[in-house]
């Protein structure tokens, strides 16, 4: 990872967060979870993540708004990986300034390879 913090997994689906936590921890990466953008901002401030896996659609604060708020004032923000099944996935990822895109449904190997690439 670029930093020494955990991977921040941001998704309103608790099952997906749990699967990603189990997978990443098995690969040796500590994980912090958040169910929405506002909770993710709090978690990012508290834990200084090394990488953020971010769902595009969440209640309250979507990925684009989260990314803008998160990056505001930070000189070395963590890379953001957008996770989405939207048809316009590339446009949404670009709008959020994501460093990479995971299109849902994605495979275990794809997640692990992407995290390792950004490590």
PDB file of N, CA and C in Angstrom:
ATOM      1  N   UNK A   1       0.838  -1.183   0.000  1.00  0.00           N
ATOM      2  CA  UNK A   1       0.000   0.000   0.000  1.00  0.00           C
ATOM      3  C   UNK A   1       0.881   1.244   0.000  1.00  0.00           C
ATOM      4  N   UNK A   2       0.331   2.311  -0.449  1.00  0.00           N
ATOM      5  CA  UNK A   2       1.083   3.561  -0.422  1.00  0.00           C
ATOM      6  C   UNK A   2       1.296   4.033   0.997  1.00  0.00           C
ATOM      7  N   UNK A   3       0.290   3.836   1.818  1.00  0.00           N
ATOM      8  CA  UNK A   3       0.391   4.227   3.218  1.00  0.00           C
ATOM      9  C   UNK A   3       0.479   2.988   4.084  1.00  0.00           C
ATOM     10  N   UNK A   4       0.405   3.215   5.364  1.00  0.00           N
ATOM     11  CA  UNK A   4       0.493   2.082   6.285  1.00  0.00           C
ATOM     12  C   UNK A   4      -0.851   1.745   6.910  1.00  0.00           C
ATOM     13  N   UNK A   5      -1.880   2.480   6.542  1.00  0.00           N
ATOM     14  CA  UNK A   5      -3.195   2.261   7.122  1.00  0.00           C
ATOM     15  C   UNK A   5      -3.924   1.097   6.494  1.00  0.00           C
ATOM     16  N   UNK A   6      -5.164   0.905   6.926  1.00  0.00           N
ATOM     17  CA  UNK A   6      -5.976  -0.204   6.437  1.00  0.00           C
ATOM     18  C   UNK A   6      -6.581   0.085   5.064  1.00  0.00           C
ATOM     19  N   UNK A   7      -7.210  -0.932   4.510  1.00  0.00           N
ATOM     20  CA  UNK A   7      -8.069  -0.745   3.351  1.00  0.00           C
ATOM     21  C   UNK A   7      -9.429  -0.323   3.906  1.00  0.00           C
ATOM     22  N   UNK A   8      -9.969   0.767   3.418  1.00  0.00           N
ATOM     23  CA  UNK A   8     -11.295   1.231   3.809  1.00  0.00           C
ATOM     24  C   UNK A   8     -12.285   0.725   2.776  1.00  0.00           C
ATOM     25  N   UNK A   9     -13.210  -0.131   3.204  1.00  0.00           N
ATOM     26  CA  UNK A   9     -14.233  -0.688   2.325  1.00  0.00           C
ATOM     27  C   UNK A   9     -15.533   0.064   2.588  1.00  0.00           C
ATOM     28  N   UNK A  10     -16.026   0.758   1.563  1.00  0.00           N
ATOM     29  CA  UNK A  10     -17.213   1.592   1.703  1.00  0.00           C
ATOM     30  C   UNK A  10     -18.306   1.051   0.780  1.00  0.00           C
ATOM     31  N   UNK A  11     -19.337   0.475   1.381  1.00  0.00           N
ATOM     32  CA  UNK A  11     -20.446  -0.079   0.608  1.00  0.00           C
ATOM     33  C   UNK A  11     -21.640  -0.198   1.533  1.00  0.00           C
ATOM     34  N   UNK A  12     -22.836   0.079   1.023  1.00  0.00           N
ATOM     35  CA  UNK A  12     -24.023  -0.036   1.858  1.00  0.00           C
ATOM     36  C   UNK A  12     -24.504  -1.481   2.002  1.00  0.00           C
ATOM     37  N   UNK A  13     -23.897  -2.416   1.302  1.00  0.00           N
ATOM     38  CA  UNK A  13     -24.242  -3.831   1.400  1.00  0.00           C
ATOM     39  C   UNK A  13     -23.333  -4.500   2.443  1.00  0.00           C
ATOM     40  N   UNK A  14     -23.876  -4.841   3.622  1.00  0.00           N
ATOM     41  CA  UNK A  14     -23.040  -5.432   4.666  1.00  0.00           C
ATOM     42  C   UNK A  14     -22.450  -6.782   4.271  1.00  0.00           C
ATOM     43  N   UNK A  15     -23.152  -7.542   3.435  1.00  0.00           N
ATOM     44  CA  UNK A  15     -22.626  -8.835   2.998  1.00  0.00           C
ATOM     45  C   UNK A  15     -21.373  -8.650   2.136  1.00  0.00           C
ATOM     46  N   UNK A  16     -21.413  -7.703   1.209  1.00  0.00           N
ATOM     47  CA  UNK A  16     -20.246  -7.445   0.363  1.00  0.00           C
ATOM     48  C   UNK A  16     -19.082  -6.930   1.199  1.00  0.00           C
ATOM     49  N   UNK A  17     -19.369  -6.025   2.143  1.00  0.00           N
ATOM     50  CA  UNK A  17     -18.295  -5.545   3.027  1.00  0.00           C
ATOM     51  C   UNK A  17     -17.658  -6.711   3.775  1.00  0.00           C
ATOM     52  N   UNK A  18     -18.477  -7.617   4.273  1.00  0.00           N
ATOM     53  CA  UNK A  18     -17.955  -8.758   5.019  1.00  0.00           C
ATOM     54  C   UNK A  18     -17.096  -9.676   4.168  1.00  0.00           C
ATOM     55  N   UNK A  19     -17.536  -9.928   2.937  1.00  0.00           N
ATOM     56  CA  UNK A  19     -16.763 -10.777   2.024  1.00  0.00           C
ATOM     57  C   UNK A  19     -15.423 -10.121   1.708  1.00  0.00           C
ATOM     58  N   UNK A  20     -15.443  -8.827   1.420  1.00  0.00           N
ATOM     59  CA  UNK A  20     -14.198  -8.118   1.119  1.00  0.00           C
ATOM     60  C   UNK A  20     -13.275  -8.080   2.334  1.00  0.00           C
ATOM     61  N   UNK A  21     -13.837  -7.885   3.526  1.00  0.00           N
ATOM     62  CA  UNK A  21     -13.028  -7.905   4.749  1.00  0.00           C
ATOM     63  C   UNK A  21     -12.323  -9.258   4.889  1.00  0.00           C
ATOM     64  N   UNK A  22     -13.085 -10.326   4.767  1.00  0.00           N
ATOM     65  CA  UNK A  22     -12.512 -11.669   4.923  1.00  0.00           C
ATOM     66  C   UNK A  22     -11.417 -11.917   3.891  1.00  0.00           C
ATOM     67  N   UNK A  23     -11.682 -11.578   2.646  1.00  0.00           N
ATOM     68  CA  UNK A  23     -10.712 -11.778   1.574  1.00  0.00           C
ATOM     69  C   UNK A  23      -9.436 -10.973   1.815  1.00  0.00           C
ATOM     70  N   UNK A  24      -9.580  -9.689   2.115  1.00  0.00           N
ATOM     71  CA  UNK A  24      -8.411  -8.827   2.273  1.00  0.00           C
ATOM     72  C   UNK A  24      -7.616  -9.159   3.528  1.00  0.00           C
ATOM     73  N   UNK A  25      -8.303  -9.481   4.604  1.00  0.00           N
ATOM     74  CA  UNK A  25      -7.581  -9.864   5.823  1.00  0.00           C
ATOM     75  C   UNK A  25      -6.821 -11.171   5.618  1.00  0.00           C
ATOM     76  N   UNK A  26      -7.400 -12.086   4.854  1.00  0.00           N
ATOM     77  CA  UNK A  26      -6.698 -13.334   4.533  1.00  0.00           C
ATOM     78  C   UNK A  26      -5.414 -13.046   3.738  1.00  0.00           C
ATOM     79  N   UNK A  27      -5.431 -11.964   2.964  1.00  0.00           N
ATOM     80  CA  UNK A  27      -4.258 -11.553   2.181  1.00  0.00           C
ATOM     81  C   UNK A  27      -3.299 -10.684   2.992  1.00  0.00           C
ATOM     82  N   UNK A  28      -3.636 -10.435   4.268  1.00  0.00           N
ATOM     83  CA  UNK A  28      -2.744  -9.689   5.146  1.00  0.00           C
ATOM     84  C   UNK A  28      -3.008  -8.200   5.242  1.00  0.00           C
ATOM     85  N   UNK A  29      -4.154  -7.744   4.726  1.00  0.00           N
ATOM     86  CA  UNK A  29      -4.474  -6.319   4.754  1.00  0.00           C
ATOM     87  C   UNK A  29      -5.494  -6.032   5.856  1.00  0.00           C
ATOM     88  N   UNK A  30      -5.193  -5.143   6.793  1.00  0.00           N
ATOM     89  CA  UNK A  30      -6.208  -4.741   7.771  1.00  0.00           C
ATOM     90  C   UNK A  30      -7.332  -4.003   7.044  1.00  0.00           C
ATOM     91  N   UNK A  31      -8.537  -4.107   7.572  1.00  0.00           N
ATOM     92  CA  UNK A  31      -9.714  -3.527   6.917  1.00  0.00           C
ATOM     93  C   UNK A  31     -10.539  -2.735   7.917  1.00  0.00           C
ATOM     94  N   UNK A  32     -11.051  -1.604   7.457  1.00  0.00           N
ATOM     95  CA  UNK A  32     -12.041  -0.810   8.180  1.00  0.00           C
ATOM     96  C   UNK A  32     -13.233  -0.688   7.241  1.00  0.00           C
ATOM     97  N   UNK A  33     -14.443  -0.802   7.784  1.00  0.00           N
ATOM     98  CA  UNK A  33     -15.651  -0.747   6.973  1.00  0.00           C
ATOM     99  C   UNK A  33     -16.464   0.508   7.260  1.00  0.00           C
ATOM    100  N   UNK A  34     -17.194   0.956   6.232  1.00  0.00           N
ATOM    101  CA  UNK A  34     -18.153   2.049   6.395  1.00  0.00           C
ATOM    102  C   UNK A  34     -19.337   1.776   5.477  1.00  0.00           C
ATOM    103  N   UNK A  35     -20.538   2.071   5.969  1.00  0.00           N
ATOM    104  CA  UNK A  35     -21.766   1.775   5.236  1.00  0.00           C
ATOM    105  C   UNK A  35     -22.209   2.895   4.296  1.00  0.00           C
ATOM    106  N   UNK A  36     -21.628   4.077   4.445  1.00  0.00           N
ATOM    107  CA  UNK A  36     -22.002   5.185   3.563  1.00  0.00           C
ATOM    108  C   UNK A  36     -20.870   6.208   3.527  1.00  0.00           C
ATOM    109  N   UNK A  37     -21.048   7.205   2.667  1.00  0.00           N
ATOM    110  CA  UNK A  37     -20.002   8.201   2.469  1.00  0.00           C
ATOM    111  C   UNK A  37     -19.666   9.013   3.698  1.00  0.00           C
ATOM    112  N   UNK A  38     -20.652   9.403   4.462  1.00  0.00           N
ATOM    113  CA  UNK A  38     -20.391  10.202   5.671  1.00  0.00           C
ATOM    114  C   UNK A  38     -19.603   9.401   6.711  1.00  0.00           C
ATOM    115  N   UNK A  39     -20.009   8.155   6.920  1.00  0.00           N
ATOM    116  CA  UNK A  39     -19.267   7.296   7.852  1.00  0.00           C
ATOM    117  C   UNK A  39     -17.864   7.020   7.328  1.00  0.00           C
ATOM    118  N   UNK A  40     -17.728   6.950   6.017  1.00  0.00           N
ATOM    119  CA  UNK A  40     -16.412   6.722   5.417  1.00  0.00           C
ATOM    120  C   UNK A  40     -15.482   7.910   5.647  1.00  0.00           C
ATOM    121  N   UNK A  41     -16.021   9.128   5.594  1.00  0.00           N
ATOM    122  CA  UNK A  41     -15.189  10.303   5.871  1.00  0.00           C
ATOM    123  C   UNK A  41     -14.668  10.271   7.304  1.00  0.00           C
ATOM    124  N   UNK A  42     -15.527   9.889   8.229  1.00  0.00           N
ATOM    125  CA  UNK A  42     -15.120   9.771   9.633  1.00  0.00           C
ATOM    126  C   UNK A  42     -14.056   8.684   9.785  1.00  0.00           C
ATOM    127  N   UNK A  43     -14.281   7.532   9.146  1.00  0.00           N
ATOM    128  CA  UNK A  43     -13.326   6.422   9.224  1.00  0.00           C
ATOM    129  C   UNK A  43     -11.990   6.801   8.590  1.00  0.00           C
ATOM    130  N   UNK A  44     -12.037   7.513   7.477  1.00  0.00           N
ATOM    131  CA  UNK A  44     -10.797   7.930   6.803  1.00  0.00           C
ATOM    132  C   UNK A  44      -9.993   8.887   7.669  1.00  0.00           C
ATOM    133  N   UNK A  45     -10.670   9.784   8.351  1.00  0.00           N
ATOM    134  CA  UNK A  45      -9.981  10.724   9.238  1.00  0.00           C
ATOM    135  C   UNK A  45      -9.357  10.001  10.424  1.00  0.00           C
ATOM    136  N   UNK A  46     -10.028   8.985  10.924  1.00  0.00           N
ATOM    137  CA  UNK A  46      -9.547   8.258  12.102  1.00  0.00           C
ATOM    138  C   UNK A  46      -8.454   7.248  11.778  1.00  0.00           C
ATOM    139  N   UNK A  47      -8.493   6.669  10.585  1.00  0.00           N
ATOM    140  CA  UNK A  47      -7.601   5.537  10.287  1.00  0.00           C
ATOM    141  C   UNK A  47      -6.597   5.785   9.173  1.00  0.00           C
ATOM    142  N   UNK A  48      -6.686   6.894   8.463  1.00  0.00           N
ATOM    143  CA  UNK A  48      -5.781   7.209   7.356  1.00  0.00           C
ATOM    144  C   UNK A  48      -5.541   5.993   6.473  1.00  0.00           C
ATOM    145  N   UNK A  49      -6.531   5.603   5.668  1.00  0.00           N
ATOM    146  CA  UNK A  49      -6.418   4.380   4.872  1.00  0.00           C
ATOM    147  C   UNK A  49      -5.320   4.459   3.820  1.00  0.00           C
ATOM    148  N   UNK A  50      -4.816   3.274   3.487  1.00  0.00           N
ATOM    149  CA  UNK A  50      -3.830   3.164   2.423  1.00  0.00           C
ATOM    150  C   UNK A  50      -4.514   3.021   1.065  1.00  0.00           C
ATOM    151  N   UNK A  51      -5.773   2.552   1.081  1.00  0.00           N
ATOM    152  CA  UNK A  51      -6.541   2.312  -0.131  1.00  0.00           C
ATOM    153  C   UNK A  51      -8.018   2.361   0.237  1.00  0.00           C
ATOM    154  N   UNK A  52      -8.844   2.874  -0.673  1.00  0.00           N
ATOM    155  CA  UNK A  52     -10.285   2.934  -0.439  1.00  0.00           C
ATOM    156  C   UNK A  52     -11.000   2.190  -1.556  1.00  0.00           C
ATOM    157  N   UNK A  53     -11.803   1.186  -1.181  1.00  0.00           N
ATOM    158  CA  UNK A  53     -12.695   0.498  -2.114  1.00  0.00           C
ATOM    159  C   UNK A  53     -14.065   1.133  -1.906  1.00  0.00           C
ATOM    160  N   UNK A  54     -14.584   1.799  -2.925  1.00  0.00           N
ATOM    161  CA  UNK A  54     -15.733   2.694  -2.787  1.00  0.00           C
ATOM    162  C   UNK A  54     -16.862   2.325  -3.730  1.00  0.00           C
ATOM    163  N   UNK A  55     -18.031   2.015  -3.157  1.00  0.00           N
ATOM    164  CA  UNK A  55     -19.225   1.752  -3.949  1.00  0.00           C
ATOM    165  C   UNK A  55     -19.707   3.055  -4.570  1.00  0.00           C
ATOM    166  N   UNK A  56     -20.186   2.991  -5.808  1.00  0.00           N
ATOM    167  CA  UNK A  56     -20.636   4.195  -6.510  1.00  0.00           C
ATOM    168  C   UNK A  56     -21.957   4.721  -5.968  1.00  0.00           C
ATOM    169  N   UNK A  57     -22.874   3.811  -5.633  1.00  0.00           N
ATOM    170  CA  UNK A  57     -24.213   4.227  -5.195  1.00  0.00           C
ATOM    171  C   UNK A  57     -24.411   3.888  -3.728  1.00  0.00           C
ATOM    172  N   UNK A  58     -24.619   4.924  -2.955  1.00  0.00           N
ATOM    173  CA  UNK A  58     -24.888   4.746  -1.533  1.00  0.00           C
ATOM    174  C   UNK A  58     -25.906   5.789  -1.112  1.00  0.00           C
ATOM    175  N   UNK A  59     -26.660   5.499  -0.073  1.00  0.00           N
ATOM    176  CA  UNK A  59     -27.616   6.504   0.412  1.00  0.00           C
ATOM    177  C   UNK A  59     -26.880   7.697   1.011  1.00  0.00           C
ATOM    178  N   UNK A  60     -27.477   8.856   0.894  1.00  0.00           N
ATOM    179  CA  UNK A  60     -26.895  10.055   1.500  1.00  0.00           C
ATOM    180  C   UNK A  60     -25.829  10.685   0.644  1.00  0.00           C
ATOM    181  N   UNK A  61     -24.621  10.226   0.767  1.00  0.00           N
ATOM    182  CA  UNK A  61     -23.485  10.793   0.049  1.00  0.00           C
ATOM    183  C   UNK A  61     -22.967   9.756  -0.949  1.00  0.00           C
ATOM    184  N   UNK A  62     -23.061  10.063  -2.235  1.00  0.00           N
ATOM    185  CA  UNK A  62     -22.586   9.113  -3.238  1.00  0.00           C
ATOM    186  C   UNK A  62     -21.062   9.167  -3.376  1.00  0.00           C
ATOM    187  N   UNK A  63     -20.541   8.333  -4.232  1.00  0.00           N
ATOM    188  CA  UNK A  63     -19.088   8.203  -4.387  1.00  0.00           C
ATOM    189  C   UNK A  63     -18.421   9.485  -4.872  1.00  0.00           C
ATOM    190  N   UNK A  64     -19.064  10.181  -5.788  1.00  0.00           N
ATOM    191  CA  UNK A  64     -18.472  11.419  -6.319  1.00  0.00           C
ATOM    192  C   UNK A  64     -18.353  12.459  -5.211  1.00  0.00           C
ATOM    193  N   UNK A  65     -19.404  12.616  -4.416  1.00  0.00           N
ATOM    194  CA  UNK A  65     -19.370  13.577  -3.310  1.00  0.00           C
ATOM    195  C   UNK A  65     -18.364  13.155  -2.248  1.00  0.00           C
ATOM    196  N   UNK A  66     -18.312  11.860  -1.942  1.00  0.00           N
ATOM    197  CA  UNK A  66     -17.334  11.372  -0.968  1.00  0.00           C
ATOM    198  C   UNK A  66     -15.916  11.673  -1.443  1.00  0.00           C
ATOM    199  N   UNK A  67     -15.615  11.318  -2.681  1.00  0.00           N
ATOM    200  CA  UNK A  67     -14.260  11.490  -3.201  1.00  0.00           C
ATOM    201  C   UNK A  67     -13.827  12.960  -3.145  1.00  0.00           C
ATOM    202  N   UNK A  68     -14.731  13.855  -3.512  1.00  0.00           N
ATOM    203  CA  UNK A  68     -14.403  15.285  -3.462  1.00  0.00           C
ATOM    204  C   UNK A  68     -14.137  15.732  -2.032  1.00  0.00           C
ATOM    205  N   UNK A  69     -14.995  15.326  -1.110  1.00  0.00           N
ATOM    206  CA  UNK A  69     -14.825  15.718   0.297  1.00  0.00           C
ATOM    207  C   UNK A  69     -13.569  15.094   0.889  1.00  0.00           C
ATOM    208  N   UNK A  70     -13.310  13.837   0.563  1.00  0.00           N
ATOM    209  CA  UNK A  70     -12.141  13.133   1.096  1.00  0.00           C
ATOM    210  C   UNK A  70     -10.842  13.774   0.613  1.00  0.00           C
ATOM    211  N   UNK A  71     -10.776  14.087  -0.655  1.00  0.00           N
ATOM    212  CA  UNK A  71      -9.535  14.617  -1.223  1.00  0.00           C
ATOM    213  C   UNK A  71      -9.298  16.080  -0.885  1.00  0.00           C
ATOM    214  N   UNK A  72     -10.318  16.795  -0.491  1.00  0.00           N
ATOM    215  CA  UNK A  72     -10.204  18.212  -0.196  1.00  0.00           C
ATOM    216  C   UNK A  72      -9.199  18.458   0.931  1.00  0.00           C
ATOM    217  N   UNK A  73      -8.148  19.195   0.626  1.00  0.00           N
ATOM    218  CA  UNK A  73      -7.162  19.570   1.628  1.00  0.00           C
ATOM    219  C   UNK A  73      -6.110  18.511   1.926  1.00  0.00           C
ATOM    220  N   UNK A  74      -6.213  17.339   1.333  1.00  0.00           N
ATOM    221  CA  UNK A  74      -5.212  16.283   1.572  1.00  0.00           C
ATOM    222  C   UNK A  74      -4.119  16.371   0.514  1.00  0.00           C
ATOM    223  N   UNK A  75      -2.878  16.306   0.941  1.00  0.00           N
ATOM    224  CA  UNK A  75      -1.783  16.339  -0.021  1.00  0.00           C
ATOM    225  C   UNK A  75      -1.458  14.945  -0.566  1.00  0.00           C
ATOM    226  N   UNK A  76      -1.729  13.910   0.209  1.00  0.00           N
ATOM    227  CA  UNK A  76      -1.440  12.544  -0.234  1.00  0.00           C
ATOM    228  C   UNK A  76      -2.628  11.624   0.064  1.00  0.00           C
ATOM    229  N   UNK A  77      -3.740  11.828  -0.655  1.00  0.00           N
ATOM    230  CA  UNK A  77      -4.892  10.964  -0.395  1.00  0.00           C
ATOM    231  C   UNK A  77      -4.632   9.535  -0.852  1.00  0.00           C
ATOM    232  N   UNK A  78      -5.309   8.607  -0.226  1.00  0.00           N
ATOM    233  CA  UNK A  78      -5.210   7.195  -0.624  1.00  0.00           C
ATOM    234  C   UNK A  78      -5.848   7.016  -1.999  1.00  0.00           C
ATOM    235  N   UNK A  79      -5.353   6.047  -2.764  1.00  0.00           N
ATOM    236  CA  UNK A  79      -6.004   5.739  -4.036  1.00  0.00           C
ATOM    237  C   UNK A  79      -7.438   5.260  -3.780  1.00  0.00           C
ATOM    238  N   UNK A  80      -8.317   5.588  -4.694  1.00  0.00           N
ATOM    239  CA  UNK A  80      -9.715   5.173  -4.608  1.00  0.00           C
ATOM    240  C   UNK A  80     -10.020   4.221  -5.754  1.00  0.00           C
ATOM    241  N   UNK A  81     -10.582   3.071  -5.396  1.00  0.00           N
ATOM    242  CA  UNK A  81     -11.035   2.096  -6.380  1.00  0.00           C
ATOM    243  C   UNK A  81     -12.559   2.121  -6.357  1.00  0.00           C
ATOM    244  N   UNK A  82     -13.162   2.505  -7.465  1.00  0.00           N
ATOM    245  CA  UNK A  82     -14.614   2.557  -7.572  1.00  0.00           C
ATOM    246  C   UNK A  82     -15.144   1.158  -7.846  1.00  0.00           C
ATOM    247  N   UNK A  83     -16.185   0.774  -7.083  1.00  0.00           N
ATOM    248  CA  UNK A  83     -16.858  -0.513  -7.286  1.00  0.00           C
ATOM    249  C   UNK A  83     -18.278  -0.215  -7.738  1.00  0.00           C
ATOM    250  N   UNK A  84     -18.653  -0.715  -8.919  1.00  0.00           N
ATOM    251  CA  UNK A  84     -20.000  -0.444  -9.415  1.00  0.00           C
ATOM    252  C   UNK A  84     -20.430  -1.450 -10.469  1.00  0.00           C
ATOM    253  N   UNK A  85     -21.714  -1.623 -10.558  1.00  0.00           N
ATOM    254  CA  UNK A  85     -22.307  -2.440 -11.606  1.00  0.00           C
ATOM    255  C   UNK A  85     -23.059  -1.566 -12.596  1.00  0.00           C
ATOM    256  N   UNK A  86     -22.915  -0.264 -12.460  1.00  0.00           N
ATOM    257  CA  UNK A  86     -23.630   0.677 -13.329  1.00  0.00           C
ATOM    258  C   UNK A  86     -23.161   0.562 -14.770  1.00  0.00           C
ATOM    259  N   UNK A  87     -24.069   0.817 -15.685  1.00  0.00           N
ATOM    260  CA  UNK A  87     -23.751   0.799 -17.107  1.00  0.00           C
ATOM    261  C   UNK A  87     -22.732   1.887 -17.437  1.00  0.00           C
ATOM    262  N   UNK A  88     -22.853   3.027 -16.746  1.00  0.00           N
ATOM    263  CA  UNK A  88     -21.960   4.162 -16.987  1.00  0.00           C
ATOM    264  C   UNK A  88     -20.770   4.150 -16.019  1.00  0.00           C
ATOM    265  N   UNK A  89     -20.265   2.964 -15.701  1.00  0.00           N
ATOM    266  CA  UNK A  89     -19.218   2.797 -14.697  1.00  0.00           C
ATOM    267  C   UNK A  89     -17.986   3.658 -14.964  1.00  0.00           C
ATOM    268  N   UNK A  90     -17.524   3.679 -16.183  1.00  0.00           N
ATOM    269  CA  UNK A  90     -16.316   4.443 -16.500  1.00  0.00           C
ATOM    270  C   UNK A  90     -16.534   5.934 -16.276  1.00  0.00           C
ATOM    271  N   UNK A  91     -17.678   6.445 -16.663  1.00  0.00           N
ATOM    272  CA  UNK A  91     -17.970   7.869 -16.482  1.00  0.00           C
ATOM    273  C   UNK A  91     -18.068   8.228 -15.000  1.00  0.00           C
ATOM    274  N   UNK A  92     -18.704   7.356 -14.211  1.00  0.00           N
ATOM    275  CA  UNK A  92     -18.832   7.613 -12.771  1.00  0.00           C
ATOM    276  C   UNK A  92     -17.458   7.569 -12.107  1.00  0.00           C
ATOM    277  N   UNK A  93     -16.655   6.591 -12.467  1.00  0.00           N
ATOM    278  CA  UNK A  93     -15.300   6.488 -11.906  1.00  0.00           C
ATOM    279  C   UNK A  93     -14.479   7.718 -12.262  1.00  0.00           C
ATOM    280  N   UNK A  94     -14.597   8.168 -13.486  1.00  0.00           N
ATOM    281  CA  UNK A  94     -13.869   9.365 -13.924  1.00  0.00           C
ATOM    282  C   UNK A  94     -14.347  10.592 -13.156  1.00  0.00           C
ATOM    283  N   UNK A  95     -15.668  10.729 -12.966  1.00  0.00           N
ATOM    284  CA  UNK A  95     -16.229  11.871 -12.246  1.00  0.00           C
ATOM    285  C   UNK A  95     -15.747  11.915 -10.798  1.00  0.00           C
ATOM    286  N   UNK A  96     -15.533  10.747 -10.208  1.00  0.00           N
ATOM    287  CA  UNK A  96     -15.053  10.674  -8.828  1.00  0.00           C
ATOM    288  C   UNK A  96     -13.537  10.782  -8.752  1.00  0.00           C
ATOM    289  N   UNK A  97     -12.858  10.763  -9.894  1.00  0.00           N
ATOM    290  CA  UNK A  97     -11.401  10.794  -9.890  1.00  0.00           C
ATOM    291  C   UNK A  97     -10.811   9.503  -9.373  1.00  0.00           C
ATOM    292  N   UNK A  98     -11.521   8.389  -9.594  1.00  0.00           N
ATOM    293  CA  UNK A  98     -11.043   7.093  -9.105  1.00  0.00           C
ATOM    294  C   UNK A  98      -9.744   6.698  -9.793  1.00  0.00           C
ATOM    295  N   UNK A  99      -8.905   6.003  -9.040  1.00  0.00           N
ATOM    296  CA  UNK A  99      -7.633   5.522  -9.572  1.00  0.00           C
ATOM    297  C   UNK A  99      -7.792   4.208 -10.325  1.00  0.00           C
ATOM    298  N   UNK A 100      -8.884   3.496 -10.043  1.00  0.00           N
ATOM    299  CA  UNK A 100      -9.148   2.218 -10.706  1.00  0.00           C
ATOM    300  C   UNK A 100     -10.627   1.911 -10.591  1.00  0.00           C
ATOM    301  N   UNK A 101     -11.080   0.929 -11.362  1.00  0.00           N
ATOM    302  CA  UNK A 101     -12.487   0.556 -11.409  1.00  0.00           C
ATOM    303  C   UNK A 101     -12.626  -0.953 -11.270  1.00  0.00           C
ATOM    304  N   UNK A 102     -13.525  -1.382 -10.394  1.00  0.00           N
ATOM    305  CA  UNK A 102     -13.930  -2.786 -10.279  1.00  0.00           C
ATOM    306  C   UNK A 102     -15.389  -2.841 -10.694  1.00  0.00           C
ATOM    307  N   UNK A 103     -15.687  -3.556 -11.769  1.00  0.00           N
ATOM    308  CA  UNK A 103     -17.055  -3.668 -12.242  1.00  0.00           C
ATOM    309  C   UNK A 103     -17.719  -4.860 -11.573  1.00  0.00           C
ATOM    310  N   UNK A 104     -18.853  -4.599 -10.904  1.00  0.00           N
ATOM    311  CA  UNK A 104     -19.602  -5.658 -10.236  1.00  0.00           C
ATOM    312  C   UNK A 104     -20.387  -6.452 -11.276  1.00  0.00           C
ATOM    313  N   UNK A 105     -20.472  -7.757 -11.155  1.00  0.00           N
ATOM    314  CA  UNK A 105     -19.812  -8.574 -10.134  1.00  0.00           C
ATOM    315  C   UNK A 105     -18.343  -8.782 -10.508  1.00  0.00           C
ATOM    316  N   UNK A 106     -17.493  -8.772  -9.511  1.00  0.00           N
ATOM    317  CA  UNK A 106     -16.064  -8.971  -9.747  1.00  0.00           C
ATOM    318  C   UNK A 106     -15.616 -10.236  -9.030  1.00  0.00           C
ATOM    319  N   UNK A 107     -14.492 -10.768  -9.468  1.00  0.00           N
ATOM    320  CA  UNK A 107     -13.966 -11.998  -8.890  1.00  0.00           C
ATOM    321  C   UNK A 107     -12.944 -11.730  -7.811  1.00  0.00           C
ATOM    322  N   UNK A 108     -12.722 -12.734  -7.001  1.00  0.00           N
ATOM    323  CA  UNK A 108     -11.746 -12.669  -5.909  1.00  0.00           C
ATOM    324  C   UNK A 108     -10.364 -12.324  -6.447  1.00  0.00           C
ATOM    325  N   UNK A 109      -9.955 -13.015  -7.497  1.00  0.00           N
ATOM    326  CA  UNK A 109      -8.620 -12.780  -8.059  1.00  0.00           C
ATOM    327  C   UNK A 109      -8.471 -11.347  -8.558  1.00  0.00           C
ATOM    328  N   UNK A 110      -9.546 -10.809  -9.104  1.00  0.00           N
ATOM    329  CA  UNK A 110      -9.512  -9.435  -9.608  1.00  0.00           C
ATOM    330  C   UNK A 110      -9.286  -8.432  -8.468  1.00  0.00           C
ATOM    331  N   UNK A 111      -9.969  -8.635  -7.344  1.00  0.00           N
ATOM    332  CA  UNK A 111      -9.808  -7.745  -6.192  1.00  0.00           C
ATOM    333  C   UNK A 111      -8.386  -7.836  -5.649  1.00  0.00           C
ATOM    334  N   UNK A 112      -7.922  -9.069  -5.447  1.00  0.00           N
ATOM    335  CA  UNK A 112      -6.578  -9.270  -4.888  1.00  0.00           C
ATOM    336  C   UNK A 112      -5.522  -8.653  -5.806  1.00  0.00           C
ATOM    337  N   UNK A 113      -5.637  -8.880  -7.109  1.00  0.00           N
ATOM    338  CA  UNK A 113      -4.655  -8.329  -8.051  1.00  0.00           C
ATOM    339  C   UNK A 113      -4.663  -6.814  -8.032  1.00  0.00           C
ATOM    340  N   UNK A 114      -5.836  -6.216  -7.954  1.00  0.00           N
ATOM    341  CA  UNK A 114      -5.924  -4.756  -7.944  1.00  0.00           C
ATOM    342  C   UNK A 114      -5.330  -4.179  -6.677  1.00  0.00           C
ATOM    343  N   UNK A 115      -5.628  -4.783  -5.539  1.00  0.00           N
ATOM    344  CA  UNK A 115      -5.061  -4.304  -4.265  1.00  0.00           C
ATOM    345  C   UNK A 115      -3.543  -4.454  -4.307  1.00  0.00           C
ATOM    346  N   UNK A 116      -3.051  -5.565  -4.804  1.00  0.00           N
ATOM    347  CA  UNK A 116      -1.601  -5.764  -4.894  1.00  0.00           C
ATOM    348  C   UNK A 116      -0.953  -4.757  -5.847  1.00  0.00           C
ATOM    349  N   UNK A 117      -1.642  -4.440  -6.945  1.00  0.00           N
ATOM    350  CA  UNK A 117      -1.094  -3.484  -7.922  1.00  0.00           C
ATOM    351  C   UNK A 117      -0.974  -2.090  -7.307  1.00  0.00           C
ATOM    352  N   UNK A 118      -1.935  -1.743  -6.471  1.00  0.00           N
ATOM    353  CA  UNK A 118      -1.902  -0.419  -5.858  1.00  0.00           C
ATOM    354  C   UNK A 118      -1.071  -0.398  -4.574  1.00  0.00           C
ATOM    355  N   UNK A 119      -0.569  -1.564  -4.202  1.00  0.00           N
ATOM    356  CA  UNK A 119       0.252  -1.669  -2.977  1.00  0.00           C
ATOM    357  C   UNK A 119       1.632  -1.098  -3.225  1.00  0.00           C
TER     358      UNK A 119
END
